[in-house]
Every structure is written in C-alpha cells, then in structure tokens.
Amino acid sequence: MTNTKKLAFASDYMKGAHPAILRRLTETNEMQTSGYGADPITASAKDRIRKICACPQAEVEFLVGGTQTNATVIDAFLRSWQGVVAAETGHISLHEGGAIEAGGHKVLALPQENGKISPEVLGQYLSDYWQDPNHPHMVMPGMVYISHPTEYGTLYSKAELKELRENCNAYQIPLYLDGARLAYALACPENDVTLADLAALCDAFYIGGTKCGALLGEAVVVPDPDRLPHFFTIMKQHGAVLAKGRLLGIQFDELFRDDLYLKIGEPAIRAADRIREGLQQGYRLCFGSPTNQVFCVMENRKLELLAETVLFEYWEKYDDTHTVIRFATDWGTKQEDVEELLRVIGRLA
C-alpha cells in the first residue's frame, strides 16, 4: 500500500494550504509587486498581526520555515560567547540537525517536565552559573527558548510565562518563544495565553504558518524592535529573505483576516480529543497533551501492523517491548479518517 492511501496522522504539515490561502494566491498570481516583502499585501499582513498582538510598534518579518527562523533569531540575539537555554526535549535541542550549533552557539539543555522548563529549574540554573567562580570559562546563558505548544503538545500557562519572564529580567536575557503550532494552542480550551500576552512577555516569538494552514512560512514578532536592531539585514545574512516575499505576506494576510488564525486549529483539537477518547480503551496516553498531538504507548509487535494502514510518528522508546508513538491532527483533519483510525487501532488492542 502506498503512503497516499494510508491514513495520514504523522504530522500537521502534510497537507497543502487552507482553501482561502490558495484562492488568494491564485487571485494575486498575475500581480507584479516589489520584492523582499516591500509590497502592500505584506504590509497589510504585518498590520493585522500588530493589531491582534496589541503591539503597534512591533517589527514583523516573514521567514520560510521553523528551523531557519530559530537559527536566525537565536543568532541575532546572542553574542559569540553565549548559548541558548532550552528544554532537553526542545526542538532546537533534538530535531534541528545542530542548526544552532552550526551557527556558533551551544544549546544549554535543561531538565524538563512534560516538555516544559519550570521557572524554578531555570532560576536555579541561572543562579548557579553566576555563582560558579569558573563561569568566565563557561558558555554564558544568553537567552531562553521555549515552545508553545511544547514538543509534547503541552501548554505553558500565562502564570508560568510570567515567572519565566521574571527570571529572564533578573539576568537581563531575552525570552524567545517558538510558536510553530501556535494556532493549536490558541484553539485549545485549556490555553489562557493570547497573542497580546506573548507580545507583552516575550522579547521575540514566531507565529507558525507551515503547520497551521499555510503552504509555508512563519511570522516573527519583535515587540520592541530595538531588541534586535538590523534584524532584516541579519535575515539576509542567513539566506532567510524570500525574493518573492509577497507569497508569505499573502498567506498571513489571509490567516489574520476575520480571525481565521484564531479558529483554524479548532477542528484539529476536536479530532485529537476524539482520538484521545478512543485510545483510552486499551492504550496508555502520555504527557497529558491537550492540543493536536496525541501520544500513546504501543507494543512494538503491533507497530508493524499499524504501519500497514496508518502514517504515524515514532517518538521515543518506552521500554524493551513498548514504544511511544504520536498521532498529529491538523486544520483539515476529516472526522471519517479519525473514526477509521480508531477502528484500526481498536482491532489491534
């Protein structure tokens, strides 16, 4: 059986784009505009984002993908002797091919709990570094990286973000948030963090498009542009400026028209909730994820059978006979596919 005939739950970027984006791209295809994002549609997208973030002064820039965005923003913030603090399960720690290290900066991995760095662990780490008499010989923690949702699909509360912000303020280092799946956090009933909250609490964050209905693209928001002077030029140095920049601007102009971005993740949450409900019969759920990523423990002997009809993600080893796997839903997940997935899994239980 080919992949195209399998139930696709391996990731949330496997589809193309939301129909509204495809229509707008088609409607504007014959337009001729200035390049590099210096066009009226991109300007409109930036204004929409500034408005919803309640941050009229913010710098907003569009990049192509998540790894490129993280590498560019982190390198822009850090000096040569500094590293970036992240959860040991953070995307930059595990799944970006050493992109941060290739840029000359160490990822300083901290213990995590369900994918999150606790304010207590962060505060202790920063304190220990500065109290160590050998710290001039060590990589200095120069910023903090977090994800919302995390790589385990969990959420930071607004209170937790405020505590992390206080830790960063105490040591005068920036807080940067990876929002690759931010639309799914915003659509989740358990979430109490808004885009305006992120603008108030983070020195930079990005609004994910690739996994959230766009063909490609991420929107970086820098609430205080003075924190990252010459950011556009830094993007250029990293090869992160798209000549046909309006292709990114068009997509985010649509995502933030009529609050589409705030609603686009709702079908994914409903589908994931249904999968979690079905998995409770015969399987163990992991991490307490309330978002669009569903993690469960499955016997290794069942994985090959499941892989015959379902695309899923191998996540991590659980023990010698079990593996943690992930099912990811997205903005376009169909209910009939969810029910078929549960029937397949039910037959394996």
Protein backbone atom coordinates (compact mmCIF):
# COMPACT_ATOMS: atom_id res chain seq x y z
CA MET A 1 0.00 0.00 0.00
CA THR A 2 1.39 3.42 -0.92
CA ASN A 3 1.62 6.32 1.50
CA THR A 4 -1.09 8.21 -0.38
CA LYS A 5 -3.62 5.54 0.56
CA LYS A 6 -2.71 5.39 4.21
CA LEU A 7 -4.41 7.34 6.99
CA ALA A 8 -2.08 10.30 7.47
CA PHE A 9 -1.53 11.21 11.12
CA ALA A 10 2.28 11.51 11.17
CA SER A 11 2.47 15.31 11.26
CA ASP A 12 0.49 18.51 10.90
CA TYR A 13 2.25 19.89 7.80
CA MET A 14 1.39 17.09 5.38
CA LYS A 15 -1.45 18.96 3.62
CA GLY A 16 -1.03 21.91 1.30
CA ALA A 17 -2.83 25.05 2.42
CA HIS A 18 -6.18 26.32 3.61
CA PRO A 19 -8.55 26.97 0.65
CA ALA A 20 -8.74 30.70 1.46
CA ILE A 21 -4.97 30.96 1.03
CA LEU A 22 -4.98 29.06 -2.25
CA ARG A 23 -7.73 31.30 -3.60
CA ARG A 24 -5.82 34.45 -2.65
CA LEU A 25 -2.60 33.16 -4.16
CA THR A 26 -4.45 32.43 -7.40
CA GLU A 27 -6.22 35.80 -7.43
CA THR A 28 -2.93 37.66 -7.00
CA ASN A 29 -0.80 35.45 -9.21
CA GLU A 30 -0.54 37.95 -12.07
CA MET A 31 0.29 40.89 -9.81
CA GLN A 32 3.69 42.47 -10.10
CA THR A 33 4.97 43.93 -6.85
CA SER A 34 8.24 44.94 -5.27
CA GLY A 35 10.24 42.06 -3.83
CA TYR A 36 11.54 41.09 -0.39
CA GLY A 37 8.25 41.84 1.34
CA ALA A 38 8.14 45.51 0.31
CA ASP A 39 4.63 45.19 -1.12
CA PRO A 40 1.20 46.38 0.07
CA ILE A 41 -0.16 42.91 0.84
CA THR A 42 2.76 42.08 3.12
CA ALA A 43 2.35 45.48 4.77
CA SER A 44 -1.31 44.63 5.38
CA ALA A 45 -0.37 41.26 6.92
CA LYS A 46 2.09 42.96 9.26
CA ASP A 47 -0.52 45.48 10.34
CA ARG A 48 -3.06 42.73 11.03
CA ILE A 49 -0.53 40.91 13.23
CA ARG A 50 0.44 44.08 15.09
CA LYS A 51 -3.24 44.78 15.77
CA ILE A 52 -4.07 41.34 17.14
CA CYS A 53 -0.91 41.43 19.27
CA ALA A 54 -1.92 44.87 20.60
CA CYS A 55 1.60 45.97 19.73
CA PRO A 56 1.57 48.71 17.07
CA GLN A 57 5.32 49.29 17.25
CA ALA A 58 6.33 45.65 16.72
CA GLU A 59 8.64 44.59 13.94
CA VAL A 60 7.09 41.72 11.98
CA GLU A 61 9.11 39.71 9.48
CA PHE A 62 8.24 36.60 7.48
CA LEU A 63 10.60 33.64 7.09
CA VAL A 64 10.16 30.34 5.30
CA GLY A 65 10.40 27.62 7.96
CA GLY A 66 10.84 26.88 11.63
CA THR A 67 14.47 25.76 11.72
CA GLN A 68 15.52 28.74 9.61
CA THR A 69 13.55 31.04 11.89
CA ASN A 70 15.02 29.65 15.11
CA ALA A 71 18.57 29.73 13.79
CA THR A 72 18.19 33.32 12.56
CA VAL A 73 16.51 34.75 15.66
CA ILE A 74 18.80 32.98 18.11
CA ASP A 75 21.93 34.05 16.26
CA ALA A 76 20.59 37.62 16.15
CA PHE A 77 20.17 37.73 19.93
CA LEU A 78 23.37 36.02 21.02
CA ARG A 79 26.96 37.15 21.23
CA SER A 80 29.77 34.76 20.35
CA TRP A 81 30.33 33.60 23.93
CA GLN A 82 26.67 32.92 24.69
CA GLY A 83 24.38 29.93 24.37
CA VAL A 84 20.63 29.44 24.40
CA VAL A 85 18.82 27.71 27.27
CA ALA A 86 16.19 25.18 26.17
CA ALA A 87 14.38 22.13 27.47
CA GLU A 88 16.28 18.94 26.71
CA THR A 89 13.27 17.93 24.60
CA GLY A 90 13.15 21.29 22.81
CA HIS A 91 13.09 21.32 19.03
CA ILE A 92 16.42 23.13 18.80
CA SER A 93 17.91 20.52 21.14
CA LEU A 94 16.81 17.41 19.27
CA HIS A 95 15.29 17.91 15.84
CA GLU A 96 17.02 20.74 14.02
CA GLY A 97 20.16 18.94 12.94
CA GLY A 98 22.51 21.01 15.08
CA ALA A 99 21.45 24.23 13.31
CA ILE A 100 22.09 26.34 16.39
CA GLU A 101 25.50 24.80 17.00
CA ALA A 102 26.34 25.21 13.31
CA GLY A 103 25.71 28.92 13.83
CA GLY A 104 28.30 29.02 16.59
CA HIS A 105 26.09 28.78 19.69
CA LYS A 106 25.63 25.98 22.19
CA VAL A 107 22.19 24.73 23.20
CA LEU A 108 22.19 24.62 27.00
CA ALA A 109 19.69 21.85 27.69
CA LEU A 110 17.76 21.80 30.97
CA PRO A 111 15.64 19.05 32.53
CA GLN A 112 12.00 19.25 31.50
CA GLU A 113 8.65 18.19 32.82
CA ASN A 114 6.18 17.24 30.09
CA GLY A 115 8.22 19.29 27.65
CA LYS A 116 8.32 22.44 29.76
CA ILE A 117 11.08 24.27 31.61
CA SER A 118 9.87 25.14 35.09
CA PRO A 119 10.61 28.64 36.41
CA GLU A 120 12.27 27.04 39.43
CA VAL A 121 14.69 24.96 37.34
CA LEU A 122 15.51 27.94 35.14
CA GLY A 123 16.07 30.25 38.10
CA GLN A 124 18.35 27.76 39.81
CA TYR A 125 20.36 27.18 36.64
CA LEU A 126 20.93 30.89 36.04
CA SER A 127 21.84 31.44 39.68
CA ASP A 128 24.27 28.52 39.68
CA TYR A 129 26.01 29.81 36.57
CA TRP A 130 26.69 33.25 38.00
CA GLN A 131 27.72 31.89 41.40
CA ASP A 132 30.21 29.47 39.86
CA PRO A 133 33.68 31.07 40.15
CA ASN A 134 34.62 29.34 36.91
CA HIS A 135 31.82 30.90 34.88
CA PRO A 136 34.19 33.02 32.72
CA HIS A 137 35.40 29.68 31.29
CA MET A 138 31.87 28.51 30.54
CA VAL A 139 29.27 29.23 27.86
CA MET A 140 27.10 32.04 29.20
CA PRO A 141 23.31 31.54 29.13
CA GLY A 142 22.36 34.41 26.85
CA MET A 143 18.68 33.75 26.17
CA VAL A 144 15.86 31.32 26.89
CA TYR A 145 13.99 29.32 24.23
CA ILE A 146 10.60 27.72 24.85
CA SER A 147 7.84 26.27 22.64
CA HIS A 148 4.09 26.79 22.94
CA PRO A 149 2.74 24.20 22.49
CA THR A 150 5.77 22.19 23.52
CA GLU A 151 7.16 19.26 21.58
CA TYR A 152 4.99 17.08 23.85
CA GLY A 153 1.87 19.05 22.97
CA THR A 154 1.64 20.63 26.42
CA LEU A 155 0.95 24.27 27.22
CA TYR A 156 2.56 26.95 29.32
CA SER A 157 0.11 28.90 31.45
CA LYS A 158 0.20 32.67 31.49
CA ALA A 159 1.38 32.49 35.10
CA GLU A 160 4.31 30.24 34.11
CA LEU A 161 5.29 32.58 31.30
CA LYS A 162 5.26 35.50 33.72
CA GLU A 163 7.59 33.62 36.08
CA LEU A 164 9.94 32.73 33.22
CA ARG A 165 9.89 36.39 32.18
CA GLU A 166 10.83 37.42 35.72
CA ASN A 167 13.79 35.02 35.66
CA CYS A 168 14.94 36.47 32.35
CA ASN A 169 14.54 40.01 33.66
CA ALA A 170 16.62 39.19 36.73
CA TYR A 171 19.56 38.24 34.49
CA GLN A 172 18.78 40.65 31.64
CA ILE A 173 18.42 37.97 28.97
CA PRO A 174 15.71 37.66 26.32
CA LEU A 175 12.83 35.19 26.27
CA TYR A 176 12.04 33.71 22.85
CA LEU A 177 9.01 31.54 22.06
CA ASP A 178 8.73 29.06 19.20
CA GLY A 179 5.12 29.09 18.00
CA ALA A 180 5.35 26.53 15.21
CA ARG A 181 1.98 25.12 16.35
CA LEU A 182 0.65 28.28 17.97
CA ALA A 183 -2.73 28.09 16.23
CA TYR A 184 -3.42 24.81 18.01
CA ALA A 185 -2.58 26.34 21.38
CA LEU A 186 -4.87 29.31 20.71
CA ALA A 187 -7.74 26.95 19.78
CA CYS A 188 -7.31 24.80 22.89
CA PRO A 189 -9.81 25.40 25.75
CA GLU A 190 -7.06 24.82 28.32
CA ASN A 191 -4.95 27.66 26.91
CA ASP A 192 -5.03 31.02 28.71
CA VAL A 193 -2.30 32.76 26.68
CA THR A 194 -3.18 35.25 23.94
CA LEU A 195 -1.06 36.79 21.20
CA ALA A 196 -1.16 40.06 23.13
CA ASP A 197 0.19 38.20 26.18
CA LEU A 198 3.09 36.88 24.11
CA ALA A 199 3.87 40.37 22.86
CA ALA A 200 3.92 41.61 26.45
CA LEU A 201 6.00 38.75 27.88
CA CYS A 202 8.44 37.74 25.11
CA ASP A 203 11.32 39.58 23.50
CA ALA A 204 10.50 37.72 20.30
CA PHE A 205 8.18 34.94 19.21
CA TYR A 206 7.01 33.46 15.97
CA ILE A 207 3.56 32.65 14.72
CA GLY A 208 3.67 29.35 12.88
CA GLY A 209 2.18 29.09 9.43
CA THR A 210 3.69 25.91 7.97
CA LYS A 211 1.89 23.63 10.43
CA CYS A 212 -1.15 25.89 10.75
CA GLY A 213 -2.74 26.19 7.32
CA ALA A 214 -0.10 27.92 5.19
CA LEU A 215 1.87 26.37 2.37
CA LEU A 216 4.97 27.59 4.18
CA GLY A 217 6.11 30.45 6.35
CA GLU A 218 6.49 31.75 9.88
CA ALA A 219 5.87 35.28 11.18
CA VAL A 220 8.47 36.61 13.62
CA VAL A 221 7.21 39.28 16.01
CA VAL A 222 9.70 41.50 17.84
CA PRO A 223 7.61 43.68 20.18
CA ASP A 224 10.46 46.14 20.77
CA PRO A 225 12.46 46.48 17.52
CA ASP A 226 15.37 47.95 19.45
CA ARG A 227 15.96 44.49 20.96
CA LEU A 228 17.00 43.19 17.52
CA PRO A 229 18.45 46.08 15.54
CA HIS A 230 19.07 45.45 11.83
CA PHE A 231 17.05 42.25 12.00
CA PHE A 232 16.15 42.34 8.30
CA THR A 233 19.85 42.51 7.40
CA ILE A 234 20.58 39.61 9.76
CA MET A 235 17.85 37.66 7.98
CA LYS A 236 19.56 38.44 4.68
CA GLN A 237 22.86 37.11 6.04
CA HIS A 238 21.11 33.85 6.91
CA GLY A 239 19.54 33.48 3.48
CA ALA A 240 16.17 33.99 5.13
CA VAL A 241 14.77 36.77 2.94
CA LEU A 242 12.45 35.50 0.21
CA ALA A 243 12.72 37.47 -3.05
CA LYS A 244 9.03 36.89 -3.80
CA GLY A 245 8.20 37.98 -0.29
CA ARG A 246 4.58 38.65 -1.06
CA LEU A 247 3.99 34.88 -1.24
CA LEU A 248 4.47 34.84 2.53
CA GLY A 249 2.63 38.11 3.09
CA ILE A 250 -0.44 36.89 1.19
CA GLN A 251 -0.71 33.79 3.34
CA PHE A 252 -0.51 35.64 6.64
CA ASP A 253 -2.82 38.37 5.37
CA GLU A 254 -5.41 35.62 4.89
CA LEU A 255 -4.63 33.83 8.15
CA PHE A 256 -5.27 37.04 10.07
CA ARG A 257 -8.30 38.14 8.09
CA ASP A 258 -11.51 37.70 10.12
CA ASP A 259 -9.52 35.96 12.89
CA LEU A 260 -9.01 32.82 10.80
CA TYR A 261 -5.78 32.01 12.66
CA LEU A 262 -7.61 32.01 15.99
CA LYS A 263 -10.14 29.48 14.66
CA ILE A 264 -8.17 27.37 12.20
CA GLY A 265 -6.92 24.98 14.89
CA GLU A 266 -10.34 24.11 16.30
CA PRO A 267 -11.01 21.09 14.01
CA ALA A 268 -7.60 19.69 14.94
CA ILE A 269 -8.37 19.93 18.66
CA ARG A 270 -11.76 18.24 18.22
CA ALA A 271 -10.16 15.44 16.19
CA ALA A 272 -7.34 14.96 18.70
CA ASP A 273 -9.82 14.87 21.59
CA ARG A 274 -11.75 12.13 19.80
CA ILE A 275 -8.54 10.13 19.29
CA ARG A 276 -7.63 10.54 22.96
CA GLU A 277 -11.10 9.35 23.93
CA GLY A 278 -10.80 6.28 21.71
CA LEU A 279 -7.31 5.39 22.89
CA GLN A 280 -8.45 5.16 26.50
CA GLN A 281 -9.81 1.75 25.57
CA GLY A 282 -6.71 -0.43 25.71
CA TYR A 283 -3.86 2.09 25.48
CA ARG A 284 -1.91 4.37 27.77
CA LEU A 285 -1.77 8.09 26.90
CA CYS A 286 1.41 10.08 27.58
CA PHE A 287 2.31 13.63 28.57
CA GLY A 288 -1.22 14.93 29.21
CA SER A 289 -1.23 16.79 25.90
CA PRO A 290 -4.45 18.79 25.35
CA THR A 291 -3.50 20.04 21.87
CA ASN A 292 -3.31 18.45 18.42
CA GLN A 293 -0.55 15.98 19.24
CA VAL A 294 -1.65 12.68 20.78
CA PHE A 295 0.96 10.40 22.34
CA CYS A 296 0.36 6.82 23.39
CA VAL A 297 2.31 3.72 24.36
CA MET A 298 2.03 0.77 21.99
CA GLU A 299 3.53 -2.70 22.00
CA ASN A 300 6.34 -3.00 19.47
CA ARG A 301 4.78 -6.09 17.91
CA LYS A 302 1.72 -4.01 16.94
CA LEU A 303 3.64 -1.18 15.29
CA GLU A 304 4.33 -3.02 12.02
CA LEU A 305 0.67 -3.93 11.72
CA LEU A 306 -0.37 -0.34 12.39
CA ALA A 307 2.14 0.97 9.86
CA GLU A 308 0.46 -1.05 7.11
CA THR A 309 -2.50 1.35 7.08
CA VAL A 310 -1.53 4.39 9.15
CA LEU A 311 1.21 7.00 8.95
CA PHE A 312 2.26 7.92 12.49
CA GLU A 313 5.39 9.22 14.21
CA TYR A 314 7.77 7.03 16.18
CA TRP A 315 8.50 9.23 19.18
CA GLU A 316 10.72 7.50 21.72
CA LYS A 317 11.47 4.16 23.32
CA TYR A 318 9.26 3.41 26.32
CA ASP A 319 10.80 0.08 27.37
CA ASP A 320 12.15 -3.03 25.68
CA THR A 321 8.74 -4.06 24.37
CA HIS A 322 6.86 -0.76 24.01
CA THR A 323 7.30 2.50 22.07
CA VAL A 324 5.74 5.94 22.44
CA ILE A 325 4.14 6.99 19.16
CA ARG A 326 2.42 10.19 18.10
CA PHE A 327 -0.69 10.93 16.09
CA ALA A 328 -0.95 14.54 14.89
CA THR A 329 -4.13 16.16 13.64
CA ASP A 330 -4.35 19.40 11.68
CA TRP A 331 -6.67 22.15 10.46
CA GLY A 332 -8.06 19.87 7.74
CA THR A 333 -8.35 16.52 9.53
CA LYS A 334 -11.51 14.71 8.47
CA GLN A 335 -13.79 13.11 11.05
CA GLU A 336 -14.19 9.98 8.93
CA ASP A 337 -10.41 9.49 8.94
CA VAL A 338 -10.37 9.81 12.72
CA GLU A 339 -13.06 7.16 13.08
CA GLU A 340 -11.25 4.84 10.69
CA LEU A 341 -8.02 5.32 12.67
CA LEU A 342 -9.84 4.34 15.86
CA ARG A 343 -11.28 1.26 14.18
CA VAL A 344 -7.80 0.19 13.04
CA ILE A 345 -6.34 0.78 16.50
CA GLY A 346 -9.27 -0.96 18.13
CA ARG A 347 -8.65 -4.11 16.14
CA LEU A 348 -5.06 -4.16 17.44
CA ALA A 349 -5.98 -3.74 21.11
